[in-house]
PDB file of all heavy atoms in Angstrom:
ATOM      1  N   GLY A   1      -0.367  11.755  -5.435  1.00  0.00           N
ATOM      2  CA  GLY A   1       0.389  11.359  -6.609  1.00  0.00           C
ATOM      3  C   GLY A   1       1.766  10.786  -6.307  1.00  0.00           C
ATOM      4  O   GLY A   1       2.440  10.276  -7.207  1.00  0.00           O
ATOM      5  N   GLU A   2       2.185  10.863  -5.052  1.00  0.00           N
ATOM      6  CA  GLU A   2       3.492  10.323  -4.659  1.00  0.00           C
ATOM      7  C   GLU A   2       3.484   8.799  -4.808  1.00  0.00           C
ATOM      8  O   GLU A   2       2.459   8.146  -4.591  1.00  0.00           O
ATOM      9  CB  GLU A   2       3.785  10.707  -3.208  1.00  0.00           C
ATOM     10  CG  GLU A   2       5.124  10.252  -2.696  1.00  0.00           C
ATOM     11  CD  GLU A   2       5.420  10.728  -1.276  1.00  0.00           C
ATOM     12  OE1 GLU A   2       4.538  11.337  -0.631  1.00  0.00           O
ATOM     13  OE2 GLU A   2       6.535  10.471  -0.810  1.00  0.00           O
ATOM     14  N   ILE A   3       4.628   8.246  -5.188  1.00  0.00           N
ATOM     15  CA  ILE A   3       4.775   6.798  -5.299  1.00  0.00           C
ATOM     16  C   ILE A   3       5.599   6.315  -4.103  1.00  0.00           C
ATOM     17  O   ILE A   3       6.686   6.829  -3.846  1.00  0.00           O
ATOM     18  CB  ILE A   3       5.491   6.400  -6.610  1.00  0.00           C
ATOM     19  CG1 ILE A   3       4.753   6.964  -7.825  1.00  0.00           C
ATOM     20  CG2 ILE A   3       5.641   4.882  -6.701  1.00  0.00           C
ATOM     21  CD1 ILE A   3       3.359   6.431  -8.042  1.00  0.00           C
ATOM     22  N   VAL A   4       5.055   5.347  -3.372  1.00  0.00           N
ATOM     23  CA  VAL A   4       5.715   4.811  -2.177  1.00  0.00           C
ATOM     24  C   VAL A   4       5.757   3.282  -2.264  1.00  0.00           C
ATOM     25  O   VAL A   4       5.247   2.691  -3.205  1.00  0.00           O
ATOM     26  CB  VAL A   4       4.987   5.251  -0.883  1.00  0.00           C
ATOM     27  CG1 VAL A   4       5.009   6.762  -0.723  1.00  0.00           C
ATOM     28  CG2 VAL A   4       3.558   4.713  -0.843  1.00  0.00           C
ATOM     29  N   SER A   5       6.338   2.674  -1.258  1.00  0.00           N
ATOM     30  CA  SER A   5       6.306   1.214  -1.107  1.00  0.00           C
ATOM     31  C   SER A   5       5.575   0.899   0.189  1.00  0.00           C
ATOM     32  O   SER A   5       5.525   1.728   1.098  1.00  0.00           O
ATOM     33  CB  SER A   5       7.724   0.648  -1.041  1.00  0.00           C
ATOM     34  OG  SER A   5       8.396   0.846  -2.263  1.00  0.00           O
ATOM     35  N   VAL A   6       5.008  -0.295   0.261  1.00  0.00           N
ATOM     36  CA  VAL A   6       4.326  -0.739   1.478  1.00  0.00           C
ATOM     37  C   VAL A   6       4.797  -2.147   1.798  1.00  0.00           C
ATOM     38  O   VAL A   6       4.683  -3.059   0.976  1.00  0.00           O
ATOM     39  CB  VAL A   6       2.790  -0.698   1.330  1.00  0.00           C
ATOM     40  CG1 VAL A   6       2.119  -1.254   2.577  1.00  0.00           C
ATOM     41  CG2 VAL A   6       2.304   0.725   1.047  1.00  0.00           C
ATOM     42  N   GLU A   7       5.343  -2.282   2.996  1.00  0.00           N
ATOM     43  CA  GLU A   7       5.846  -3.575   3.453  1.00  0.00           C
ATOM     44  C   GLU A   7       4.726  -4.343   4.136  1.00  0.00           C
ATOM     45  O   GLU A   7       4.063  -3.837   5.037  1.00  0.00           O
ATOM     46  CB  GLU A   7       7.004  -3.355   4.430  1.00  0.00           C
ATOM     47  CG  GLU A   7       7.650  -4.635   4.883  1.00  0.00           C
ATOM     48  CD  GLU A   7       8.831  -4.362   5.800  1.00  0.00           C
ATOM     49  OE1 GLU A   7       9.906  -4.041   5.270  1.00  0.00           O
ATOM     50  OE2 GLU A   7       8.644  -4.452   7.033  1.00  0.00           O
ATOM     51  N   ILE A   8       4.542  -5.566   3.682  1.00  0.00           N
ATOM     52  CA  ILE A   8       3.536  -6.452   4.269  1.00  0.00           C
ATOM     53  C   ILE A   8       4.267  -7.365   5.241  1.00  0.00           C
ATOM     54  O   ILE A   8       5.279  -7.979   4.878  1.00  0.00           O
ATOM     55  CB  ILE A   8       2.822  -7.290   3.185  1.00  0.00           C
ATOM     56  CG1 ILE A   8       2.211  -6.386   2.115  1.00  0.00           C
ATOM     57  CG2 ILE A   8       1.778  -8.222   3.805  1.00  0.00           C
ATOM     58  CD1 ILE A   8       1.175  -5.406   2.626  1.00  0.00           C
ATOM     59  N   PRO A   9       3.800  -7.473   6.485  1.00  0.00           N
ATOM     60  CA  PRO A   9       4.513  -8.300   7.464  1.00  0.00           C
ATOM     61  C   PRO A   9       4.514  -9.774   7.049  1.00  0.00           C
ATOM     62  O   PRO A   9       3.663 -10.217   6.290  1.00  0.00           O
ATOM     63  CB  PRO A   9       3.723  -8.091   8.759  1.00  0.00           C
ATOM     64  CG  PRO A   9       2.375  -7.633   8.331  1.00  0.00           C
ATOM     65  CD  PRO A   9       2.567  -6.904   7.025  1.00  0.00           C
ATOM     66  N   THR A  10       5.478 -10.497   7.571  1.00  0.00           N
ATOM     67  CA  THR A  10       5.588 -11.921   7.264  1.00  0.00           C
ATOM     68  C   THR A  10       4.276 -12.629   7.594  1.00  0.00           C
ATOM     69  O   THR A  10       3.733 -12.500   8.677  1.00  0.00           O
ATOM     70  CB  THR A  10       6.737 -12.558   8.063  1.00  0.00           C
ATOM     71  OG1 THR A  10       7.940 -11.895   7.704  1.00  0.00           O
ATOM     72  CG2 THR A  10       6.867 -14.034   7.751  1.00  0.00           C
ATOM     73  N   SER A  11       3.785 -13.348   6.610  1.00  0.00           N
ATOM     74  CA  SER A  11       2.550 -14.106   6.763  1.00  0.00           C
ATOM     75  C   SER A  11       2.713 -15.371   5.937  1.00  0.00           C
ATOM     76  O   SER A  11       2.938 -15.293   4.737  1.00  0.00           O
ATOM     77  CB  SER A  11       1.359 -13.273   6.249  1.00  0.00           C
ATOM     78  OG  SER A  11       0.196 -14.041   6.252  1.00  0.00           O
ATOM     79  N   ASN A  12       2.652 -16.501   6.560  1.00  0.00           N
ATOM     80  CA  ASN A  12       2.824 -17.769   5.835  1.00  0.00           C
ATOM     81  C   ASN A  12       4.166 -17.844   5.127  1.00  0.00           C
ATOM     82  O   ASN A  12       4.282 -18.458   4.073  1.00  0.00           O
ATOM     83  CB  ASN A  12       1.682 -17.966   4.830  1.00  0.00           C
ATOM     84  CG  ASN A  12       0.335 -18.014   5.494  1.00  0.00           C
ATOM     85  OD1 ASN A  12       0.193 -18.555   6.573  1.00  0.00           O
ATOM     86  ND2 ASN A  12      -0.669 -17.431   4.864  1.00  0.00           N
ATOM     87  N   GLY A  13       5.190 -17.165   5.674  1.00  0.00           N
ATOM     88  CA  GLY A  13       6.516 -17.225   5.076  1.00  0.00           C
ATOM     89  C   GLY A  13       6.651 -16.492   3.764  1.00  0.00           C
ATOM     90  O   GLY A  13       7.532 -16.805   2.962  1.00  0.00           O
ATOM     91  N   ARG A  14       5.786 -15.506   3.500  1.00  0.00           N
ATOM     92  CA  ARG A  14       5.813 -14.810   2.216  1.00  0.00           C
ATOM     93  C   ARG A  14       5.937 -13.303   2.389  1.00  0.00           C
ATOM     94  O   ARG A  14       5.169 -12.544   1.801  1.00  0.00           O
ATOM     95  CB  ARG A  14       4.555 -15.135   1.420  1.00  0.00           C
ATOM     96  CG  ARG A  14       4.407 -16.610   1.125  1.00  0.00           C
ATOM     97  CD  ARG A  14       3.337 -16.827   0.122  1.00  0.00           C
ATOM     98  NE  ARG A  14       3.977 -17.269  -1.107  1.00  0.00           N
ATOM     99  CZ  ARG A  14       3.332 -17.484  -2.234  1.00  0.00           C
ATOM    100  NH1 ARG A  14       2.062 -17.265  -2.320  1.00  0.00           N
ATOM    101  NH2 ARG A  14       3.985 -17.895  -3.296  1.00  0.00           N
ATOM    102  N   ASN A  15       6.892 -12.851   3.194  1.00  0.00           N
ATOM    103  CA  ASN A  15       7.102 -11.424   3.384  1.00  0.00           C
ATOM    104  C   ASN A  15       7.263 -10.741   2.025  1.00  0.00           C
ATOM    105  O   ASN A  15       7.942 -11.256   1.146  1.00  0.00           O
ATOM    106  CB  ASN A  15       8.350 -11.194   4.244  1.00  0.00           C
ATOM    107  CG  ASN A  15       8.551  -9.737   4.582  1.00  0.00           C
ATOM    108  OD1 ASN A  15       7.650  -8.925   4.446  1.00  0.00           O
ATOM    109  ND2 ASN A  15       9.742  -9.406   5.035  1.00  0.00           N
ATOM    110  N   LEU A  16       6.619  -9.592   1.841  1.00  0.00           N
ATOM    111  CA  LEU A  16       6.638  -8.927   0.544  1.00  0.00           C
ATOM    112  C   LEU A  16       6.549  -7.425   0.744  1.00  0.00           C
ATOM    113  O   LEU A  16       5.823  -6.949   1.624  1.00  0.00           O
ATOM    114  CB  LEU A  16       5.435  -9.403  -0.287  1.00  0.00           C
ATOM    115  CG  LEU A  16       5.362  -8.907  -1.713  1.00  0.00           C
ATOM    116  CD1 LEU A  16       6.332  -9.703  -2.582  1.00  0.00           C
ATOM    117  CD2 LEU A  16       3.959  -9.076  -2.250  1.00  0.00           C
ATOM    118  N   THR A  17       7.283  -6.667  -0.069  1.00  0.00           N
ATOM    119  CA  THR A  17       7.140  -5.213  -0.101  1.00  0.00           C
ATOM    120  C   THR A  17       6.611  -4.824  -1.469  1.00  0.00           C
ATOM    121  O   THR A  17       7.219  -5.164  -2.495  1.00  0.00           O
ATOM    122  CB  THR A  17       8.488  -4.515   0.173  1.00  0.00           C
ATOM    123  OG1 THR A  17       8.936  -4.889   1.475  1.00  0.00           O
ATOM    124  CG2 THR A  17       8.339  -3.004   0.108  1.00  0.00           C
ATOM    125  N   PHE A  18       5.460  -4.166  -1.475  1.00  0.00           N
ATOM    126  CA  PHE A  18       4.874  -3.689  -2.727  1.00  0.00           C
ATOM    127  C   PHE A  18       5.472  -2.341  -3.076  1.00  0.00           C
ATOM    128  O   PHE A  18       5.418  -1.409  -2.278  1.00  0.00           O
ATOM    129  CB  PHE A  18       3.350  -3.535  -2.602  1.00  0.00           C
ATOM    130  CG  PHE A  18       2.613  -4.837  -2.550  1.00  0.00           C
ATOM    131  CD1 PHE A  18       1.975  -5.229  -1.395  1.00  0.00           C
ATOM    132  CD2 PHE A  18       2.543  -5.660  -3.663  1.00  0.00           C
ATOM    133  CE1 PHE A  18       1.284  -6.432  -1.335  1.00  0.00           C
ATOM    134  CE2 PHE A  18       1.862  -6.869  -3.613  1.00  0.00           C
ATOM    135  CZ  PHE A  18       1.230  -7.254  -2.445  1.00  0.00           C
ATOM    136  N   GLY A  19       6.052  -2.232  -4.271  1.00  0.00           N
ATOM    137  CA  GLY A  19       6.518  -0.951  -4.784  1.00  0.00           C
ATOM    138  C   GLY A  19       5.458  -0.352  -5.682  1.00  0.00           C
ATOM    139  O   GLY A  19       4.398  -0.938  -5.908  1.00  0.00           O
ATOM    140  N   ASP A  20       5.732   0.823  -6.211  1.00  0.00           N
ATOM    141  CA  ASP A  20       4.835   1.490  -7.162  1.00  0.00           C
ATOM    142  C   ASP A  20       3.419   1.662  -6.621  1.00  0.00           C
ATOM    143  O   ASP A  20       2.433   1.457  -7.334  1.00  0.00           O
ATOM    144  CB  ASP A  20       4.779   0.728  -8.494  1.00  0.00           C
ATOM    145  CG  ASP A  20       6.131   0.644  -9.165  1.00  0.00           C
ATOM    146  OD1 ASP A  20       6.853   1.659  -9.160  1.00  0.00           O
ATOM    147  OD2 ASP A  20       6.479  -0.434  -9.677  1.00  0.00           O
ATOM    148  N   VAL A  21       3.308   2.030  -5.350  1.00  0.00           N
ATOM    149  CA  VAL A  21       2.002   2.273  -4.737  1.00  0.00           C
ATOM    150  C   VAL A  21       1.726   3.772  -4.846  1.00  0.00           C
ATOM    151  O   VAL A  21       2.488   4.588  -4.328  1.00  0.00           O
ATOM    152  CB  VAL A  21       1.980   1.852  -3.255  1.00  0.00           C
ATOM    153  CG1 VAL A  21       0.609   2.124  -2.643  1.00  0.00           C
ATOM    154  CG2 VAL A  21       2.367   0.380  -3.108  1.00  0.00           C
ATOM    155  N   ILE A  22       0.661   4.138  -5.526  1.00  0.00           N
ATOM    156  CA  ILE A  22       0.347   5.554  -5.696  1.00  0.00           C
ATOM    157  C   ILE A  22      -0.500   6.047  -4.534  1.00  0.00           C
ATOM    158  O   ILE A  22      -1.405   5.343  -4.072  1.00  0.00           O
ATOM    159  CB  ILE A  22      -0.322   5.842  -7.053  1.00  0.00           C
ATOM    160  CG1 ILE A  22      -0.419   7.346  -7.268  1.00  0.00           C
ATOM    161  CG2 ILE A  22      -1.679   5.178  -7.167  1.00  0.00           C
ATOM    162  CD1 ILE A  22      -0.529   7.756  -8.703  1.00  0.00           C
ATOM    163  N   VAL A  23      -0.192   7.238  -4.055  1.00  0.00           N
ATOM    164  CA  VAL A  23      -0.950   7.857  -2.968  1.00  0.00           C
ATOM    165  C   VAL A  23      -2.010   8.759  -3.580  1.00  0.00           C
ATOM    166  O   VAL A  23      -1.713   9.610  -4.425  1.00  0.00           O
ATOM    167  CB  VAL A  23      -0.021   8.678  -2.044  1.00  0.00           C
ATOM    168  CG1 VAL A  23      -0.828   9.379  -0.953  1.00  0.00           C
ATOM    169  CG2 VAL A  23       1.054   7.787  -1.437  1.00  0.00           C
ATOM    170  N   ARG A  24      -3.252   8.563  -3.165  1.00  0.00           N
ATOM    171  CA  ARG A  24      -4.362   9.386  -3.630  1.00  0.00           C
ATOM    172  C   ARG A  24      -4.957  10.094  -2.414  1.00  0.00           C
ATOM    173  O   ARG A  24      -5.420   9.443  -1.490  1.00  0.00           O
ATOM    174  CB  ARG A  24      -5.396   8.508  -4.342  1.00  0.00           C
ATOM    175  CG  ARG A  24      -4.795   7.863  -5.591  1.00  0.00           C
ATOM    176  CD  ARG A  24      -5.631   6.762  -6.167  1.00  0.00           C
ATOM    177  NE  ARG A  24      -6.974   7.190  -6.465  1.00  0.00           N
ATOM    178  CZ  ARG A  24      -7.959   6.370  -6.801  1.00  0.00           C
ATOM    179  NH1 ARG A  24      -7.749   5.087  -6.873  1.00  0.00           N
ATOM    180  NH2 ARG A  24      -9.161   6.827  -7.054  1.00  0.00           N
ATOM    181  N   VAL A  25      -4.915  11.415  -2.438  1.00  0.00           N
ATOM    182  CA  VAL A  25      -5.344  12.211  -1.292  1.00  0.00           C
ATOM    183  C   VAL A  25      -6.628  12.956  -1.613  1.00  0.00           C
ATOM    184  O   VAL A  25      -6.724  13.661  -2.621  1.00  0.00           O
ATOM    185  CB  VAL A  25      -4.245  13.227  -0.878  1.00  0.00           C
ATOM    186  CG1 VAL A  25      -4.710  14.066   0.305  1.00  0.00           C
ATOM    187  CG2 VAL A  25      -2.950  12.507  -0.548  1.00  0.00           C
ATOM    188  N   SER A  26      -7.631  12.775  -0.760  1.00  0.00           N
ATOM    189  CA  SER A  26      -8.895  13.499  -0.862  1.00  0.00           C
ATOM    190  C   SER A  26      -9.608  13.397   0.481  1.00  0.00           C
ATOM    191  O   SER A  26      -9.550  12.350   1.130  1.00  0.00           O
ATOM    192  CB  SER A  26      -9.787  12.897  -1.945  1.00  0.00           C
ATOM    193  OG  SER A  26     -11.097  13.449  -1.878  1.00  0.00           O
ATOM    194  N   ASP A  27     -10.276  14.456   0.864  1.00  0.00           N
ATOM    195  CA  ASP A  27     -11.013  14.408   2.122  1.00  0.00           C
ATOM    196  C   ASP A  27     -12.289  13.573   2.018  1.00  0.00           C
ATOM    197  O   ASP A  27     -12.981  13.365   3.007  1.00  0.00           O
ATOM    198  CB  ASP A  27     -11.295  15.829   2.623  1.00  0.00           C
ATOM    199  CG  ASP A  27     -10.022  16.475   3.154  1.00  0.00           C
ATOM    200  OD1 ASP A  27      -9.158  15.744   3.680  1.00  0.00           O
ATOM    201  OD2 ASP A  27      -9.883  17.698   3.028  1.00  0.00           O
ATOM    202  N   SER A  28     -12.571  13.040   0.824  1.00  0.00           N
ATOM    203  CA  SER A  28     -13.710  12.127   0.685  1.00  0.00           C
ATOM    204  C   SER A  28     -13.282  10.667   0.866  1.00  0.00           C
ATOM    205  O   SER A  28     -14.100   9.766   0.731  1.00  0.00           O
ATOM    206  CB  SER A  28     -14.381  12.317  -0.682  1.00  0.00           C
ATOM    207  OG  SER A  28     -13.500  11.947  -1.724  1.00  0.00           O
ATOM    208  N   TYR A  29     -11.997  10.426   1.172  1.00  0.00           N
ATOM    209  CA  TYR A  29     -11.484   9.079   1.372  1.00  0.00           C
ATOM    210  C   TYR A  29     -11.396   8.718   2.849  1.00  0.00           C
ATOM    211  O   TYR A  29     -11.473   9.572   3.715  1.00  0.00           O
ATOM    212  CB  TYR A  29     -10.065   8.943   0.798  1.00  0.00           C
ATOM    213  CG  TYR A  29      -9.951   9.047  -0.703  1.00  0.00           C
ATOM    214  CD1 TYR A  29      -8.772   9.490  -1.278  1.00  0.00           C
ATOM    215  CD2 TYR A  29     -10.986   8.688  -1.560  1.00  0.00           C
ATOM    216  CE1 TYR A  29      -8.628   9.583  -2.657  1.00  0.00           C
ATOM    217  CE2 TYR A  29     -10.849   8.781  -2.933  1.00  0.00           C
ATOM    218  CZ  TYR A  29      -9.666   9.222  -3.476  1.00  0.00           C
ATOM    219  OH  TYR A  29      -9.528   9.316  -4.830  1.00  0.00           O
ATOM    220  N   ALA A  30     -11.166   7.430   3.086  1.00  0.00           N
ATOM    221  CA  ALA A  30     -10.778   6.901   4.400  1.00  0.00           C
ATOM    222  C   ALA A  30      -9.442   6.199   4.189  1.00  0.00           C
ATOM    223  O   ALA A  30      -9.211   5.596   3.134  1.00  0.00           O
ATOM    224  CB  ALA A  30     -11.819   5.914   4.915  1.00  0.00           C
ATOM    225  N   LEU A  31      -8.553   6.261   5.168  1.00  0.00           N
ATOM    226  CA  LEU A  31      -7.206   5.716   5.024  1.00  0.00           C
ATOM    227  C   LEU A  31      -7.239   4.196   4.830  1.00  0.00           C
ATOM    228  O   LEU A  31      -7.708   3.454   5.690  1.00  0.00           O
ATOM    229  CB  LEU A  31      -6.358   6.057   6.252  1.00  0.00           C
ATOM    230  CG  LEU A  31      -4.898   5.589   6.202  1.00  0.00           C
ATOM    231  CD1 LEU A  31      -4.148   6.248   5.048  1.00  0.00           C
ATOM    232  CD2 LEU A  31      -4.207   5.871   7.529  1.00  0.00           C
ATOM    233  N   ALA A  32      -6.744   3.739   3.679  1.00  0.00           N
ATOM    234  CA  ALA A  32      -6.638   2.316   3.369  1.00  0.00           C
ATOM    235  C   ALA A  32      -5.837   2.142   2.091  1.00  0.00           C
ATOM    236  O   ALA A  32      -5.858   3.011   1.218  1.00  0.00           O
ATOM    237  CB  ALA A  32      -8.013   1.682   3.196  1.00  0.00           C
ATOM    238  N   MET A  33      -5.148   1.008   2.003  1.00  0.00           N
ATOM    239  CA  MET A  33      -4.466   0.626   0.768  1.00  0.00           C
ATOM    240  C   MET A  33      -5.306  -0.442   0.091  1.00  0.00           C
ATOM    241  O   MET A  33      -5.874  -1.306   0.765  1.00  0.00           O
ATOM    242  CB  MET A  33      -3.079   0.063   1.079  1.00  0.00           C
ATOM    243  CG  MET A  33      -2.329  -0.419  -0.148  1.00  0.00           C
ATOM    244  SD  MET A  33      -0.708  -1.091   0.300  1.00  0.00           S
ATOM    245  CE  MET A  33      -0.191  -1.765  -1.266  1.00  0.00           C
ATOM    246  N   HIS A  34      -5.381  -0.399  -1.234  1.00  0.00           N
ATOM    247  CA  HIS A  34      -6.127  -1.397  -1.983  1.00  0.00           C
ATOM    248  C   HIS A  34      -5.206  -2.153  -2.929  1.00  0.00           C
ATOM    249  O   HIS A  34      -4.447  -1.537  -3.687  1.00  0.00           O
ATOM    250  CB  HIS A  34      -7.260  -0.749  -2.788  1.00  0.00           C
ATOM    251  CG  HIS A  34      -8.380  -0.271  -1.934  1.00  0.00           C
ATOM    252  ND1 HIS A  34      -9.342   0.599  -2.378  1.00  0.00           N
ATOM    253  CD2 HIS A  34      -8.693  -0.538  -0.642  1.00  0.00           C
ATOM    254  CE1 HIS A  34     -10.204   0.841  -1.397  1.00  0.00           C
ATOM    255  NE2 HIS A  34      -9.816   0.160  -0.341  1.00  0.00           N
ATOM    256  N   ILE A  35      -5.278  -3.486  -2.859  1.00  0.00           N
ATOM    257  CA  ILE A  35      -4.558  -4.368  -3.774  1.00  0.00           C
ATOM    258  C   ILE A  35      -5.548  -5.409  -4.288  1.00  0.00           C
ATOM    259  O   ILE A  35      -6.617  -5.603  -3.709  1.00  0.00           O
ATOM    260  CB  ILE A  35      -3.351  -5.056  -3.104  1.00  0.00           C
ATOM    261  CG1 ILE A  35      -3.801  -5.949  -1.934  1.00  0.00           C
ATOM    262  CG2 ILE A  35      -2.325  -4.023  -2.638  1.00  0.00           C
ATOM    263  CD1 ILE A  35      -2.664  -6.770  -1.315  1.00  0.00           C
ATOM    264  N   ASP A  36      -5.193  -6.075  -5.392  1.00  0.00           N
ATOM    265  CA  ASP A  36      -6.116  -7.082  -5.920  1.00  0.00           C
ATOM    266  C   ASP A  36      -5.774  -8.472  -5.364  1.00  0.00           C
ATOM    267  O   ASP A  36      -4.831  -8.642  -4.595  1.00  0.00           O
ATOM    268  CB  ASP A  36      -6.173  -7.043  -7.454  1.00  0.00           C
ATOM    269  CG  ASP A  36      -4.906  -7.503  -8.150  1.00  0.00           C
ATOM    270  OD1 ASP A  36      -4.121  -8.295  -7.575  1.00  0.00           O
ATOM    271  OD2 ASP A  36      -4.691  -7.084  -9.310  1.00  0.00           O
TER     272      ASP A  36
END
């Protein structure tokens, strides 16, 4: 439930940090971030 940010490395000159990223913890998951 924690809200964090994730920095995306520079790619094509469009460095971006995503805010408001919710952390969902469960042992049925695999570590990954999902964006659209």
